[in-house]
Amino acid sequence: HIMLYTLPGIPSIYYGSEFGIEGRKERHSDDSLRPALNFDDYKNAVKSNPCTRLISTLGKIRQSSPALCYGDYKELELQTTHFAYERTLDGKSVIITVNNADNDVTMNFPCSNVKEYIGALSGEKISVSDSRIQVVVPANHGEIWLPEGSVDRSFTALESISIVKSTEA
């Protein structure tokens, strides 16, 4: 979902994904892919459901950062297990790091000339040194790094969210 909300284009969430509902095709039918939902069951989902909370937060981050909506795209690092890219608008760059591996990964790459970046999801601060940043991205996590000065005073980092990858085929 981090990539969906930060890559160029308009995010589109498939029915039920905002609640973490897994759809499965069964008996040559799509019925189980689109189960009927009683939205009363999900009225507190933004507070109680980690998927809903993450998607809500990503929407707010995207809405508050014009670079994520309209910025140029530049790949910074691409490996089979991790990825980093930058979205830049009017000289302000937002850096996105994602790690799909089951172990932490360290990334080091060039960045714009600011003193520090703040993780929009974690609140972590990373100092820039010689126009580069080095970040450790935990296993199966991602982060949106906002340049100092671009974070609204009312900003609060998201609580830690743990979403477990399904191992079923």
N, C-alpha and C. Protein backbone atom coordinates (compact mmCIF):
# COMPACT_ATOMS: atom_id res chain seq x y z
N HIS A 1 0.81 -1.19 0.00
CA HIS A 1 0.00 0.00 0.00
C HIS A 1 0.86 1.26 0.00
N ILE A 2 2.04 1.19 0.62
CA ILE A 2 2.93 2.35 0.60
C ILE A 2 3.28 2.72 -0.83
N MET A 3 3.62 1.74 -1.63
CA MET A 3 3.95 2.03 -3.03
C MET A 3 2.72 2.52 -3.79
N LEU A 4 1.58 1.94 -3.55
CA LEU A 4 0.35 2.34 -4.22
C LEU A 4 0.06 3.82 -3.99
N TYR A 5 0.33 4.31 -2.79
CA TYR A 5 0.05 5.70 -2.46
C TYR A 5 1.18 6.66 -2.79
N THR A 6 2.33 6.16 -3.21
CA THR A 6 3.47 7.06 -3.45
C THR A 6 4.02 7.00 -4.87
N LEU A 7 3.72 5.97 -5.62
CA LEU A 7 4.14 5.92 -7.02
C LEU A 7 3.24 6.84 -7.85
N PRO A 8 3.68 7.25 -9.04
CA PRO A 8 2.83 8.08 -9.88
C PRO A 8 1.50 7.38 -10.19
N GLY A 9 0.45 8.15 -10.25
CA GLY A 9 -0.87 7.63 -10.54
C GLY A 9 -1.81 7.83 -9.37
N ILE A 10 -3.03 7.36 -9.55
CA ILE A 10 -4.06 7.52 -8.53
C ILE A 10 -4.25 6.19 -7.80
N PRO A 11 -4.13 6.18 -6.47
CA PRO A 11 -4.30 4.92 -5.73
C PRO A 11 -5.72 4.37 -5.92
N SER A 12 -5.80 3.08 -6.06
CA SER A 12 -7.10 2.42 -6.19
C SER A 12 -7.08 1.20 -5.27
N ILE A 13 -7.96 1.20 -4.30
CA ILE A 13 -8.03 0.12 -3.32
C ILE A 13 -9.15 -0.83 -3.74
N TYR A 14 -8.83 -2.10 -3.86
CA TYR A 14 -9.81 -3.11 -4.24
C TYR A 14 -10.76 -3.36 -3.07
N TYR A 15 -12.01 -3.51 -3.37
CA TYR A 15 -13.10 -3.73 -2.40
C TYR A 15 -12.69 -4.72 -1.30
N GLY A 16 -12.73 -4.27 -0.07
CA GLY A 16 -12.40 -5.11 1.07
C GLY A 16 -10.95 -5.01 1.53
N SER A 17 -10.06 -4.57 0.64
CA SER A 17 -8.64 -4.47 1.00
C SER A 17 -8.41 -3.47 2.12
N GLU A 18 -9.24 -2.44 2.19
CA GLU A 18 -9.07 -1.44 3.24
C GLU A 18 -9.31 -2.03 4.64
N PHE A 19 -9.93 -3.19 4.69
CA PHE A 19 -10.16 -3.87 5.96
C PHE A 19 -9.29 -5.11 6.11
N GLY A 20 -8.44 -5.39 5.14
CA GLY A 20 -7.57 -6.56 5.19
C GLY A 20 -8.28 -7.86 4.86
N ILE A 21 -9.40 -7.76 4.17
CA ILE A 21 -10.16 -8.96 3.79
C ILE A 21 -9.48 -9.61 2.60
N GLU A 22 -9.18 -10.89 2.73
CA GLU A 22 -8.58 -11.63 1.63
C GLU A 22 -9.67 -12.29 0.81
N GLY A 23 -9.69 -12.00 -0.47
CA GLY A 23 -10.65 -12.65 -1.36
C GLY A 23 -10.00 -13.85 -2.03
N ARG A 24 -10.78 -14.89 -2.18
CA ARG A 24 -10.27 -16.10 -2.84
C ARG A 24 -11.30 -16.60 -3.83
N LYS A 25 -10.82 -16.94 -4.99
CA LYS A 25 -11.72 -17.52 -5.99
C LYS A 25 -11.95 -18.98 -5.62
N GLU A 26 -13.22 -19.33 -5.52
CA GLU A 26 -13.57 -20.70 -5.13
C GLU A 26 -14.62 -21.25 -6.08
N ARG A 27 -14.51 -22.53 -6.36
CA ARG A 27 -15.49 -23.25 -7.18
C ARG A 27 -15.83 -22.51 -8.47
N HIS A 28 -14.82 -21.98 -9.12
CA HIS A 28 -14.99 -21.29 -10.40
C HIS A 28 -15.95 -20.12 -10.31
N SER A 29 -15.98 -19.47 -9.15
CA SER A 29 -16.87 -18.33 -8.93
C SER A 29 -16.09 -17.19 -8.29
N ASP A 30 -16.51 -15.98 -8.57
CA ASP A 30 -15.91 -14.80 -7.96
C ASP A 30 -16.66 -14.33 -6.72
N ASP A 31 -17.71 -15.04 -6.32
CA ASP A 31 -18.54 -14.58 -5.20
C ASP A 31 -17.73 -14.35 -3.93
N SER A 32 -16.81 -15.23 -3.61
CA SER A 32 -16.03 -15.06 -2.37
C SER A 32 -14.99 -13.94 -2.48
N LEU A 33 -14.72 -13.48 -3.70
CA LEU A 33 -13.81 -12.35 -3.88
C LEU A 33 -14.48 -11.04 -3.47
N ARG A 34 -15.77 -11.01 -3.55
CA ARG A 34 -16.54 -9.80 -3.26
C ARG A 34 -17.64 -10.09 -2.25
N PRO A 35 -17.27 -10.46 -1.01
CA PRO A 35 -18.29 -10.80 -0.03
C PRO A 35 -19.12 -9.56 0.35
N ALA A 36 -20.35 -9.77 0.68
CA ALA A 36 -21.19 -8.67 1.17
C ALA A 36 -20.61 -8.20 2.50
N LEU A 37 -20.49 -6.90 2.66
CA LEU A 37 -19.94 -6.35 3.90
C LEU A 37 -21.01 -5.59 4.65
N ASN A 38 -21.03 -5.78 5.94
CA ASN A 38 -21.87 -4.98 6.81
C ASN A 38 -20.95 -3.90 7.38
N PHE A 39 -21.09 -2.68 6.91
CA PHE A 39 -20.16 -1.63 7.29
C PHE A 39 -20.25 -1.25 8.77
N ASP A 40 -21.32 -1.64 9.45
CA ASP A 40 -21.38 -1.44 10.90
C ASP A 40 -20.29 -2.24 11.60
N ASP A 41 -19.91 -3.37 10.99
CA ASP A 41 -18.84 -4.20 11.56
C ASP A 41 -17.48 -3.50 11.50
N TYR A 42 -17.37 -2.46 10.68
CA TYR A 42 -16.08 -1.80 10.44
C TYR A 42 -16.10 -0.32 10.85
N LYS A 43 -17.12 0.11 11.61
CA LYS A 43 -17.25 1.54 11.91
C LYS A 43 -16.06 2.09 12.71
N ASN A 44 -15.36 1.25 13.46
CA ASN A 44 -14.19 1.70 14.23
C ASN A 44 -12.88 1.21 13.61
N ALA A 45 -12.94 0.83 12.36
CA ALA A 45 -11.79 0.20 11.70
C ALA A 45 -10.55 1.09 11.68
N VAL A 46 -10.72 2.40 11.56
CA VAL A 46 -9.55 3.28 11.51
C VAL A 46 -8.73 3.18 12.80
N LYS A 47 -9.39 2.90 13.90
CA LYS A 47 -8.68 2.76 15.18
C LYS A 47 -8.31 1.31 15.48
N SER A 48 -9.15 0.38 15.08
CA SER A 48 -8.95 -1.01 15.51
C SER A 48 -8.31 -1.94 14.48
N ASN A 49 -8.32 -1.55 13.22
CA ASN A 49 -7.82 -2.43 12.16
C ASN A 49 -6.51 -1.87 11.59
N PRO A 50 -5.40 -2.61 11.68
CA PRO A 50 -4.12 -2.06 11.20
C PRO A 50 -4.11 -1.73 9.71
N CYS A 51 -4.79 -2.50 8.89
CA CYS A 51 -4.84 -2.20 7.44
C CYS A 51 -5.56 -0.89 7.19
N THR A 52 -6.71 -0.73 7.82
CA THR A 52 -7.50 0.49 7.65
C THR A 52 -6.74 1.70 8.16
N ARG A 53 -6.09 1.54 9.30
CA ARG A 53 -5.31 2.65 9.88
C ARG A 53 -4.17 3.05 8.96
N LEU A 54 -3.47 2.06 8.41
CA LEU A 54 -2.37 2.36 7.49
C LEU A 54 -2.87 3.07 6.25
N ILE A 55 -3.92 2.57 5.64
CA ILE A 55 -4.45 3.18 4.40
C ILE A 55 -4.95 4.59 4.67
N SER A 56 -5.61 4.80 5.80
CA SER A 56 -6.07 6.14 6.17
C SER A 56 -4.88 7.09 6.32
N THR A 57 -3.85 6.63 7.00
CA THR A 57 -2.65 7.45 7.20
C THR A 57 -1.96 7.75 5.87
N LEU A 58 -1.86 6.75 5.01
CA LEU A 58 -1.23 6.96 3.70
C LEU A 58 -2.01 8.00 2.89
N GLY A 59 -3.32 7.98 2.98
CA GLY A 59 -4.13 8.98 2.29
C GLY A 59 -3.84 10.38 2.79
N LYS A 60 -3.70 10.52 4.11
CA LYS A 60 -3.40 11.83 4.69
C LYS A 60 -2.01 12.31 4.29
N ILE A 61 -1.04 11.40 4.29
CA ILE A 61 0.32 11.77 3.90
C ILE A 61 0.33 12.21 2.44
N ARG A 62 -0.31 11.44 1.57
CA ARG A 62 -0.37 11.79 0.15
C ARG A 62 -1.04 13.14 -0.06
N GLN A 63 -2.13 13.37 0.64
CA GLN A 63 -2.88 14.61 0.51
C GLN A 63 -2.06 15.82 0.97
N SER A 64 -1.20 15.63 1.95
CA SER A 64 -0.42 16.75 2.49
C SER A 64 0.91 16.96 1.78
N SER A 65 1.24 16.09 0.82
CA SER A 65 2.52 16.21 0.12
C SER A 65 2.31 16.30 -1.39
N PRO A 66 2.32 17.49 -1.94
CA PRO A 66 2.11 17.64 -3.38
C PRO A 66 3.10 16.83 -4.22
N ALA A 67 4.31 16.60 -3.71
CA ALA A 67 5.29 15.82 -4.47
C ALA A 67 4.79 14.40 -4.72
N LEU A 68 4.02 13.84 -3.78
CA LEU A 68 3.50 12.48 -3.96
C LEU A 68 2.38 12.44 -4.98
N CYS A 69 1.72 13.56 -5.20
CA CYS A 69 0.63 13.61 -6.19
C CYS A 69 1.13 14.02 -7.57
N TYR A 70 2.04 14.98 -7.62
CA TYR A 70 2.41 15.58 -8.90
C TYR A 70 3.90 15.54 -9.21
N GLY A 71 4.71 15.04 -8.30
CA GLY A 71 6.16 15.11 -8.46
C GLY A 71 6.73 14.16 -9.49
N ASP A 72 7.91 14.53 -9.97
CA ASP A 72 8.68 13.67 -10.86
C ASP A 72 9.10 12.42 -10.09
N TYR A 73 9.35 11.35 -10.83
CA TYR A 73 9.74 10.08 -10.23
C TYR A 73 11.18 9.76 -10.60
N LYS A 74 11.96 9.31 -9.62
CA LYS A 74 13.34 8.89 -9.87
C LYS A 74 13.64 7.66 -9.01
N GLU A 75 14.07 6.60 -9.65
CA GLU A 75 14.46 5.39 -8.94
C GLU A 75 15.82 5.62 -8.28
N LEU A 76 15.95 5.27 -7.01
CA LEU A 76 17.21 5.41 -6.29
C LEU A 76 17.91 4.08 -6.09
N GLU A 77 17.14 3.03 -5.83
CA GLU A 77 17.71 1.69 -5.66
C GLU A 77 16.63 0.66 -5.96
N LEU A 78 17.01 -0.35 -6.72
CA LEU A 78 16.06 -1.42 -7.04
C LEU A 78 16.76 -2.76 -6.93
N GLN A 79 16.30 -3.56 -5.98
CA GLN A 79 16.80 -4.92 -5.78
C GLN A 79 15.58 -5.84 -5.76
N THR A 80 15.80 -7.14 -5.77
CA THR A 80 14.66 -8.06 -5.77
C THR A 80 13.87 -7.99 -4.46
N THR A 81 14.49 -7.57 -3.38
CA THR A 81 13.81 -7.54 -2.09
C THR A 81 13.52 -6.15 -1.56
N HIS A 82 14.16 -5.12 -2.09
CA HIS A 82 13.92 -3.77 -1.59
C HIS A 82 14.03 -2.74 -2.70
N PHE A 83 13.45 -1.57 -2.43
CA PHE A 83 13.24 -0.57 -3.46
C PHE A 83 13.25 0.80 -2.81
N ALA A 84 13.87 1.77 -3.46
CA ALA A 84 13.84 3.16 -2.99
C ALA A 84 13.66 4.07 -4.20
N TYR A 85 12.81 5.07 -4.04
CA TYR A 85 12.59 6.04 -5.11
C TYR A 85 12.26 7.38 -4.51
N GLU A 86 12.29 8.39 -5.37
CA GLU A 86 12.13 9.76 -4.93
C GLU A 86 11.04 10.42 -5.79
N ARG A 87 10.21 11.22 -5.17
CA ARG A 87 9.22 12.04 -5.88
C ARG A 87 9.57 13.50 -5.58
N THR A 88 9.79 14.29 -6.63
CA THR A 88 10.26 15.67 -6.45
C THR A 88 9.33 16.65 -7.15
N LEU A 89 8.98 17.71 -6.44
CA LEU A 89 8.18 18.80 -6.99
C LEU A 89 8.70 20.10 -6.41
N ASP A 90 8.95 21.06 -7.28
CA ASP A 90 9.43 22.39 -6.86
C ASP A 90 10.65 22.30 -5.96
N GLY A 91 11.57 21.39 -6.27
CA GLY A 91 12.81 21.25 -5.53
C GLY A 91 12.69 20.53 -4.20
N LYS A 92 11.48 20.07 -3.85
CA LYS A 92 11.28 19.34 -2.60
C LYS A 92 11.08 17.87 -2.93
N SER A 93 11.94 17.03 -2.33
CA SER A 93 11.91 15.60 -2.62
C SER A 93 11.42 14.80 -1.42
N VAL A 94 10.56 13.84 -1.71
CA VAL A 94 10.11 12.86 -0.74
C VAL A 94 10.73 11.53 -1.17
N ILE A 95 11.30 10.81 -0.23
CA ILE A 95 11.95 9.53 -0.53
C ILE A 95 11.12 8.40 0.06
N ILE A 96 10.93 7.36 -0.72
CA ILE A 96 10.16 6.21 -0.28
C ILE A 96 11.07 4.99 -0.28
N THR A 97 11.06 4.24 0.83
CA THR A 97 11.84 3.01 0.93
C THR A 97 10.90 1.88 1.31
N VAL A 98 11.03 0.76 0.64
CA VAL A 98 10.23 -0.42 0.98
C VAL A 98 11.13 -1.65 1.00
N ASN A 99 10.81 -2.56 1.90
CA ASN A 99 11.60 -3.77 2.06
C ASN A 99 10.64 -4.96 2.16
N ASN A 100 10.68 -5.83 1.18
CA ASN A 100 9.81 -7.00 1.15
C ASN A 100 10.52 -8.26 1.65
N ALA A 101 11.73 -8.10 2.13
CA ALA A 101 12.50 -9.24 2.62
C ALA A 101 12.10 -9.56 4.06
N ASP A 102 12.46 -10.75 4.50
CA ASP A 102 12.18 -11.16 5.87
C ASP A 102 13.29 -10.77 6.84
N ASN A 103 14.22 -9.93 6.38
CA ASN A 103 15.28 -9.41 7.23
C ASN A 103 15.45 -7.91 6.94
N ASP A 104 16.01 -7.19 7.90
CA ASP A 104 16.24 -5.75 7.74
C ASP A 104 17.23 -5.51 6.61
N VAL A 105 17.12 -4.34 5.99
CA VAL A 105 18.05 -3.98 4.93
C VAL A 105 18.51 -2.54 5.16
N THR A 106 19.79 -2.28 4.88
CA THR A 106 20.35 -0.94 4.97
C THR A 106 20.49 -0.39 3.56
N MET A 107 20.02 0.83 3.36
CA MET A 107 20.14 1.50 2.06
C MET A 107 20.85 2.82 2.25
N ASN A 108 21.67 3.18 1.28
CA ASN A 108 22.41 4.43 1.30
C ASN A 108 22.33 5.01 -0.10
N PHE A 109 21.83 6.24 -0.22
CA PHE A 109 21.68 6.83 -1.55
C PHE A 109 21.70 8.35 -1.46
N PRO A 110 21.91 9.01 -2.62
CA PRO A 110 21.93 10.48 -2.63
C PRO A 110 20.54 11.03 -2.36
N CYS A 111 20.52 12.26 -1.83
CA CYS A 111 19.25 12.92 -1.55
C CYS A 111 19.41 14.41 -1.75
N SER A 112 18.30 15.12 -1.63
CA SER A 112 18.35 16.57 -1.81
C SER A 112 19.10 17.21 -0.65
N ASN A 113 19.44 18.44 -0.82
CA ASN A 113 20.30 19.15 0.12
C ASN A 113 19.48 19.73 1.28
N VAL A 114 19.03 18.86 2.17
CA VAL A 114 18.37 19.28 3.41
C VAL A 114 19.18 18.70 4.57
N LYS A 115 18.88 19.13 5.78
CA LYS A 115 19.65 18.63 6.94
C LYS A 115 19.16 17.27 7.41
N GLU A 116 17.83 17.05 7.33
CA GLU A 116 17.31 15.76 7.78
C GLU A 116 15.98 15.44 7.14
N TYR A 117 15.64 14.16 7.20
CA TYR A 117 14.35 13.66 6.76
C TYR A 117 13.64 13.06 7.96
N ILE A 118 12.31 13.10 7.91
CA ILE A 118 11.49 12.55 8.98
C ILE A 118 10.60 11.46 8.39
N GLY A 119 10.58 10.30 9.01
CA GLY A 119 9.73 9.21 8.56
C GLY A 119 8.28 9.52 8.86
N ALA A 120 7.46 9.60 7.83
CA ALA A 120 6.05 9.95 7.99
C ALA A 120 5.27 8.89 8.74
N LEU A 121 5.71 7.65 8.68
CA LEU A 121 5.01 6.58 9.38
C LEU A 121 5.55 6.34 10.78
N SER A 122 6.86 6.47 10.94
CA SER A 122 7.50 6.14 12.22
C SER A 122 7.86 7.35 13.07
N GLY A 123 8.06 8.50 12.43
CA GLY A 123 8.54 9.68 13.15
C GLY A 123 10.04 9.71 13.31
N GLU A 124 10.72 8.66 12.83
CA GLU A 124 12.18 8.59 12.93
C GLU A 124 12.82 9.72 12.14
N LYS A 125 13.91 10.26 12.67
CA LYS A 125 14.65 11.32 11.99
C LYS A 125 15.98 10.77 11.50
N ILE A 126 16.31 11.10 10.25
CA ILE A 126 17.56 10.65 9.63
C ILE A 126 18.33 11.89 9.17
N SER A 127 19.57 12.04 9.63
CA SER A 127 20.40 13.16 9.21
C SER A 127 21.01 12.91 7.84
N VAL A 128 21.16 13.98 7.09
CA VAL A 128 21.81 13.93 5.78
C VAL A 128 23.29 14.22 6.00
N SER A 129 24.14 13.42 5.36
CA SER A 129 25.58 13.61 5.45
C SER A 129 26.17 13.55 4.05
N ASP A 130 26.85 14.61 3.65
CA ASP A 130 27.44 14.69 2.31
C ASP A 130 26.41 14.41 1.22
N SER A 131 25.23 15.00 1.38
CA SER A 131 24.12 14.86 0.42
C SER A 131 23.67 13.42 0.23
N ARG A 132 23.81 12.60 1.28
CA ARG A 132 23.36 11.21 1.25
C ARG A 132 22.65 10.87 2.55
N ILE A 133 21.75 9.91 2.48
CA ILE A 133 21.16 9.38 3.70
C ILE A 133 21.34 7.87 3.72
N GLN A 134 21.41 7.36 4.92
CA GLN A 134 21.47 5.91 5.12
C GLN A 134 20.31 5.54 6.04
N VAL A 135 19.51 4.60 5.58
CA VAL A 135 18.35 4.17 6.36
C VAL A 135 18.37 2.65 6.53
N VAL A 136 17.87 2.22 7.67
CA VAL A 136 17.66 0.79 7.90
C VAL A 136 16.16 0.57 7.82
N VAL A 137 15.74 -0.25 6.87
CA VAL A 137 14.31 -0.53 6.70
C VAL A 137 14.05 -1.92 7.28
N PRO A 138 13.22 -1.99 8.31
CA PRO A 138 12.94 -3.29 8.93
C PRO A 138 12.31 -4.26 7.93
N ALA A 139 12.42 -5.53 8.24
CA ALA A 139 11.83 -6.58 7.40
C ALA A 139 10.34 -6.30 7.17
N ASN A 140 9.93 -6.45 5.92
CA ASN A 140 8.52 -6.32 5.53
C ASN A 140 7.90 -4.99 5.95
N HIS A 141 8.67 -3.92 5.81
CA HIS A 141 8.19 -2.58 6.16
C HIS A 141 8.56 -1.60 5.06
N GLY A 142 8.07 -0.41 5.22
CA GLY A 142 8.41 0.68 4.32
C GLY A 142 8.30 1.99 5.07
N GLU A 143 8.80 3.05 4.45
CA GLU A 143 8.74 4.37 5.07
C GLU A 143 8.68 5.43 3.98
N ILE A 144 8.07 6.53 4.33
CA ILE A 144 7.99 7.72 3.48
C ILE A 144 8.79 8.80 4.19
N TRP A 145 9.89 9.20 3.60
CA TRP A 145 10.81 10.15 4.23
C TRP A 145 10.52 11.55 3.71
N LEU A 146 10.04 12.43 4.60
CA LEU A 146 9.70 13.80 4.26
C LEU A 146 10.85 14.72 4.66
N PRO A 147 11.21 15.69 3.79
CA PRO A 147 12.30 16.60 4.15
C PRO A 147 11.90 17.51 5.31
N GLU A 148 12.89 17.86 6.13
CA GLU A 148 12.62 18.76 7.26
C GLU A 148 11.92 20.01 6.73
N GLY A 149 11.06 20.56 7.56
CA GLY A 149 10.35 21.78 7.16
C GLY A 149 9.09 21.52 6.36
N SER A 150 8.90 20.30 5.86
CA SER A 150 7.69 20.02 5.09
C SER A 150 6.64 19.29 5.92
N VAL A 151 6.99 19.01 7.18
CA VAL A 151 6.07 18.29 8.06
C VAL A 151 5.24 19.30 8.83
N ASP A 152 3.93 19.17 8.72
CA ASP A 152 2.98 20.03 9.41
C ASP A 152 3.17 19.91 10.93
N ARG A 153 2.99 20.99 11.66
CA ARG A 153 3.16 20.97 13.12
C ARG A 153 2.20 20.00 13.80
N SER A 154 1.07 19.74 13.17
CA SER A 154 0.10 18.83 13.78
C SER A 154 0.42 17.36 13.47
N PHE A 155 1.52 17.14 12.76
CA PHE A 155 1.91 15.78 12.37
C PHE A 155 2.22 14.91 13.58
N THR A 156 1.67 13.72 13.58
CA THR A 156 2.05 12.71 14.56
C THR A 156 2.30 11.42 13.82
N ALA A 157 3.34 10.74 14.19
CA ALA A 157 3.68 9.49 13.54
C ALA A 157 2.63 8.43 13.84
N LEU A 158 2.52 7.51 12.93
CA LEU A 158 1.60 6.39 13.09
C LEU A 158 2.15 5.45 14.14
N GLU A 159 1.27 4.89 14.96
CA GLU A 159 1.71 3.88 15.90
C GLU A 159 2.27 2.71 15.10
N SER A 160 3.08 1.93 15.71
CA SER A 160 3.62 0.75 15.04
C SER A 160 2.49 -0.15 14.56
N ILE A 161 2.58 -0.55 13.32
CA ILE A 161 1.57 -1.41 12.72
C ILE A 161 2.24 -2.70 12.30
N SER A 162 1.66 -3.79 12.63
CA SER A 162 2.19 -5.07 12.23
C SER A 162 1.17 -5.78 11.36
N ILE A 163 1.52 -5.96 10.11
CA ILE A 163 0.66 -6.68 9.18
C ILE A 163 1.45 -7.89 8.71
N VAL A 164 0.95 -9.05 8.99
CA VAL A 164 1.66 -10.29 8.69
C VAL A 164 1.33 -10.73 7.27
N LYS A 165 2.39 -11.04 6.51
CA LYS A 165 2.20 -11.54 5.16
C LYS A 165 1.61 -12.94 5.20
N SER A 166 0.66 -13.19 4.32
CA SER A 166 0.06 -14.50 4.24
C SER A 166 1.05 -15.45 3.56
N THR A 167 1.18 -16.64 4.10
CA THR A 167 2.09 -17.64 3.50
C THR A 167 1.31 -18.68 2.74
N GLU A 168 -0.02 -18.55 2.73
CA GLU A 168 -0.85 -19.51 2.00
C GLU A 168 -0.83 -19.18 0.53
N ALA A 169 -0.86 -20.23 -0.30
CA ALA A 169 -0.86 -20.01 -1.75
C ALA A 169 -2.27 -19.95 -2.27
